[in-house]
Amino acid sequence: MLKLRYYCQAQGNQKIVKLLAKIEAKHKIPYEISDLSRDGAYDEEREKQVYERDFKPRARILKKRTGESIMQLRSRRARHYFVSIPGTIAVVSDKGIEWYTLGDEEILRFLEEILSKGQAFLSELID
């Protein structure tokens, strides 16, 4: 069973949250929202843990499926690397993350495709 996981800070983008609810109602594709902030503020340690636990073990398969390295989830500022996962949506199975995209505009287009095509669209992504 595939589900959608939206990584965000605080409440996240409400357009994205509403589309997730529409998808669940129409296609019965469950979703969860993973708030990576602490009291609405950036939490570097929490984001690093999520990166290490959810994304890094699946790095090769994610690069193969998305064409993008998970390194795009890391940023560099003044010789310090930090993880920046909020604003990412992932397709998740029992095995872990199967596919992801980031950025509000990309996510909105992605969710519109799911709303239009349903489970078949997600299955195509991970085959």
C-alpha atoms as a PDB file:
ATOM      1  CA  MET A   1       0.000   0.000   0.000  1.00  0.00           C
ATOM      2  CA  LEU A   2       1.386   3.370  -1.014  1.00  0.00           C
ATOM      3  CA  LYS A   3       0.830   6.552   0.951  1.00  0.00           C
ATOM      4  CA  LEU A   4       1.925  10.146   0.641  1.00  0.00           C
ATOM      5  CA  ARG A   5       4.045  11.888   3.264  1.00  0.00           C
ATOM      6  CA  TYR A   6       4.348  15.674   3.296  1.00  0.00           C
ATOM      7  CA  TYR A   7       7.397  16.978   5.145  1.00  0.00           C
ATOM      8  CA  CYS A   8       6.849  20.549   6.263  1.00  0.00           C
ATOM      9  CA  GLN A   9       7.392  23.097   9.004  1.00  0.00           C
ATOM     10  CA  ALA A  10       4.507  24.180  11.205  1.00  0.00           C
ATOM     11  CA  GLN A  11       1.282  23.939   9.173  1.00  0.00           C
ATOM     12  CA  GLY A  12       2.874  23.671   5.746  1.00  0.00           C
ATOM     13  CA  ASN A  13       1.333  24.962   2.532  1.00  0.00           C
ATOM     14  CA  GLN A  14      -2.450  24.815   2.918  1.00  0.00           C
ATOM     15  CA  LYS A  15      -3.003  24.277  -0.823  1.00  0.00           C
ATOM     16  CA  ILE A  16      -0.904  21.128  -0.576  1.00  0.00           C
ATOM     17  CA  VAL A  17      -2.750  19.944   2.535  1.00  0.00           C
ATOM     18  CA  LYS A  18      -6.121  20.469   0.821  1.00  0.00           C
ATOM     19  CA  LEU A  19      -5.004  18.546  -2.273  1.00  0.00           C
ATOM     20  CA  LEU A  20      -3.818  15.677  -0.087  1.00  0.00           C
ATOM     21  CA  ALA A  21      -7.259  15.533   1.535  1.00  0.00           C
ATOM     22  CA  LYS A  22      -8.968  15.555  -1.893  1.00  0.00           C
ATOM     23  CA  ILE A  23      -6.745  12.719  -3.098  1.00  0.00           C
ATOM     24  CA  GLU A  24      -7.545  10.653  -0.030  1.00  0.00           C
ATOM     25  CA  ALA A  25     -11.273  11.258  -0.443  1.00  0.00           C
ATOM     26  CA  LYS A  26     -11.307  10.493  -4.174  1.00  0.00           C
ATOM     27  CA  HIS A  27      -8.721   7.711  -4.521  1.00  0.00           C
ATOM     28  CA  LYS A  28      -8.374   6.394  -0.948  1.00  0.00           C
ATOM     29  CA  ILE A  29      -4.626   7.103  -1.004  1.00  0.00           C
ATOM     30  CA  PRO A  30      -3.692   7.860   2.606  1.00  0.00           C
ATOM     31  CA  TYR A  31      -1.384  10.694   3.585  1.00  0.00           C
ATOM     32  CA  GLU A  32       0.463  11.922   6.612  1.00  0.00           C
ATOM     33  CA  ILE A  33       1.998  15.250   7.475  1.00  0.00           C
ATOM     34  CA  SER A  34       5.409  15.191   9.100  1.00  0.00           C
ATOM     35  CA  ASP A  35       6.121  18.478  10.870  1.00  0.00           C
ATOM     36  CA  LEU A  36       9.896  18.823  11.111  1.00  0.00           C
ATOM     37  CA  SER A  37       9.868  21.980  13.189  1.00  0.00           C
ATOM     38  CA  ARG A  38      10.019  22.439  16.900  1.00  0.00           C
ATOM     39  CA  ASP A  39       7.448  25.011  18.017  1.00  0.00           C
ATOM     40  CA  GLY A  40       7.274  26.282  14.420  1.00  0.00           C
ATOM     41  CA  ALA A  41      11.025  26.917  14.170  1.00  0.00           C
ATOM     42  CA  TYR A  42      13.753  25.148  12.209  1.00  0.00           C
ATOM     43  CA  ASP A  43      15.061  22.060  14.024  1.00  0.00           C
ATOM     44  CA  GLU A  44      18.371  21.022  12.455  1.00  0.00           C
ATOM     45  CA  GLU A  45      18.774  17.837  14.494  1.00  0.00           C
ATOM     46  CA  ARG A  46      15.303  16.536  13.660  1.00  0.00           C
ATOM     47  CA  GLU A  47      15.775  17.140   9.943  1.00  0.00           C
ATOM     48  CA  LYS A  48      19.145  15.388   9.996  1.00  0.00           C
ATOM     49  CA  GLN A  49      17.564  12.369  11.696  1.00  0.00           C
ATOM     50  CA  VAL A  50      14.797  12.182   9.072  1.00  0.00           C
ATOM     51  CA  TYR A  51      17.353  12.496   6.269  1.00  0.00           C
ATOM     52  CA  GLU A  52      19.494   9.702   7.731  1.00  0.00           C
ATOM     53  CA  ARG A  53      16.530   7.434   8.520  1.00  0.00           C
ATOM     54  CA  ASP A  54      14.195   7.971   5.551  1.00  0.00           C
ATOM     55  CA  PHE A  55      16.200   9.209   2.565  1.00  0.00           C
ATOM     56  CA  LYS A  56      19.823   8.105   2.859  1.00  0.00           C
ATOM     57  CA  PRO A  57      19.184   4.312   2.963  1.00  0.00           C
ATOM     58  CA  ARG A  58      17.123   4.615  -0.245  1.00  0.00           C
ATOM     59  CA  ALA A  59      19.532   6.984  -2.045  1.00  0.00           C
ATOM     60  CA  ARG A  60      20.335   4.724  -5.003  1.00  0.00           C
ATOM     61  CA  ILE A  61      16.770   3.730  -5.766  1.00  0.00           C
ATOM     62  CA  LEU A  62      15.577   7.331  -5.368  1.00  0.00           C
ATOM     63  CA  LYS A  63      18.223   8.610  -7.785  1.00  0.00           C
ATOM     64  CA  LYS A  64      17.263   5.925 -10.290  1.00  0.00           C
ATOM     65  CA  ARG A  65      13.559   6.800 -10.075  1.00  0.00           C
ATOM     66  CA  THR A  66      13.712  10.595  -9.787  1.00  0.00           C
ATOM     67  CA  GLY A  67      16.895  11.306 -11.715  1.00  0.00           C
ATOM     68  CA  GLU A  68      18.018  13.516  -8.823  1.00  0.00           C
ATOM     69  CA  SER A  69      20.520  12.865  -6.078  1.00  0.00           C
ATOM     70  CA  ILE A  70      19.264  13.133  -2.514  1.00  0.00           C
ATOM     71  CA  MET A  71      22.128  15.600  -2.065  1.00  0.00           C
ATOM     72  CA  GLN A  72      19.668  18.233  -3.315  1.00  0.00           C
ATOM     73  CA  LEU A  73      18.092  17.904   0.143  1.00  0.00           C
ATOM     74  CA  ARG A  74      21.322  19.200   1.636  1.00  0.00           C
ATOM     75  CA  SER A  75      22.471  22.792   1.492  1.00  0.00           C
ATOM     76  CA  ARG A  76      25.797  24.349   2.260  1.00  0.00           C
ATOM     77  CA  ARG A  77      26.258  27.607   4.067  1.00  0.00           C
ATOM     78  CA  ALA A  78      29.650  28.828   5.297  1.00  0.00           C
ATOM     79  CA  ARG A  79      31.353  25.402   5.337  1.00  0.00           C
ATOM     80  CA  HIS A  80      28.427  23.873   7.186  1.00  0.00           C
ATOM     81  CA  TYR A  81      26.119  21.371   5.529  1.00  0.00           C
ATOM     82  CA  PHE A  82      22.556  21.278   6.725  1.00  0.00           C
ATOM     83  CA  VAL A  83      19.564  19.270   5.656  1.00  0.00           C
ATOM     84  CA  SER A  84      16.507  21.015   4.258  1.00  0.00           C
ATOM     85  CA  ILE A  85      13.629  18.576   3.907  1.00  0.00           C
ATOM     86  CA  PRO A  86      10.544  20.732   4.611  1.00  0.00           C
ATOM     87  CA  GLY A  87       8.680  21.331   1.392  1.00  0.00           C
ATOM     88  CA  THR A  88       9.191  17.746   0.236  1.00  0.00           C
ATOM     89  CA  ILE A  89       6.549  15.157  -0.528  1.00  0.00           C
ATOM     90  CA  ALA A  90       7.328  11.462  -0.701  1.00  0.00           C
ATOM     91  CA  VAL A  91       5.592   8.330  -1.903  1.00  0.00           C
ATOM     92  CA  VAL A  92       6.067   5.760   0.857  1.00  0.00           C
ATOM     93  CA  SER A  93       5.609   1.983   0.970  1.00  0.00           C
ATOM     94  CA  ASP A  94       6.409  -0.682   3.543  1.00  0.00           C
ATOM     95  CA  LYS A  95      10.008  -0.655   2.270  1.00  0.00           C
ATOM     96  CA  GLY A  96      10.466   3.098   2.730  1.00  0.00           C
ATOM     97  CA  ILE A  97      10.457   6.109   0.464  1.00  0.00           C
ATOM     98  CA  GLU A  98       9.901   5.089  -3.145  1.00  0.00           C
ATOM     99  CA  TRP A  99       9.857   8.501  -4.856  1.00  0.00           C
ATOM    100  CA  TYR A 100       9.929  12.166  -3.854  1.00  0.00           C
ATOM    101  CA  THR A 101       9.782  15.716  -5.136  1.00  0.00           C
ATOM    102  CA  LEU A 102      10.298  19.073  -3.505  1.00  0.00           C
ATOM    103  CA  GLY A 103       9.238  22.665  -3.903  1.00  0.00           C
ATOM    104  CA  ASP A 104       5.669  23.874  -3.606  1.00  0.00           C
ATOM    105  CA  GLU A 105       5.061  24.335  -7.341  1.00  0.00           C
ATOM    106  CA  GLU A 106       6.445  20.891  -8.210  1.00  0.00           C
ATOM    107  CA  ILE A 107       4.438  19.306  -5.400  1.00  0.00           C
ATOM    108  CA  LEU A 108       1.215  20.993  -6.525  1.00  0.00           C
ATOM    109  CA  ARG A 109       1.692  19.733 -10.103  1.00  0.00           C
ATOM    110  CA  PHE A 110       2.508  16.255  -8.783  1.00  0.00           C
ATOM    111  CA  LEU A 111      -0.593  16.168  -6.575  1.00  0.00           C
ATOM    112  CA  GLU A 112      -2.816  17.395  -9.410  1.00  0.00           C
ATOM    113  CA  GLU A 113      -1.572  14.434 -11.491  1.00  0.00           C
ATOM    114  CA  ILE A 114      -2.423  12.038  -8.671  1.00  0.00           C
ATOM    115  CA  LEU A 115      -5.840  13.635  -8.254  1.00  0.00           C
ATOM    116  CA  SER A 116      -6.444  13.162 -11.964  1.00  0.00           C
ATOM    117  CA  LYS A 117      -4.975   9.664 -12.451  1.00  0.00           C
ATOM    118  CA  GLY A 118      -5.026   8.063  -9.003  1.00  0.00           C
ATOM    119  CA  GLN A 119      -3.102   4.989  -7.875  1.00  0.00           C
ATOM    120  CA  ALA A 120      -2.072   4.102 -11.437  1.00  0.00           C
ATOM    121  CA  PHE A 121       0.065   7.248 -11.626  1.00  0.00           C
ATOM    122  CA  LEU A 122       1.903   6.321  -8.407  1.00  0.00           C
ATOM    123  CA  SER A 123       2.462   2.770  -9.596  1.00  0.00           C
ATOM    124  CA  GLU A 124       4.061   4.074 -12.801  1.00  0.00           C
ATOM    125  CA  LEU A 125       6.508   6.169 -10.772  1.00  0.00           C
ATOM    126  CA  ILE A 126       7.887   3.275  -8.790  1.00  0.00           C
ATOM    127  CA  ASP A 127       8.018   0.567 -11.458  1.00  0.00           C
END
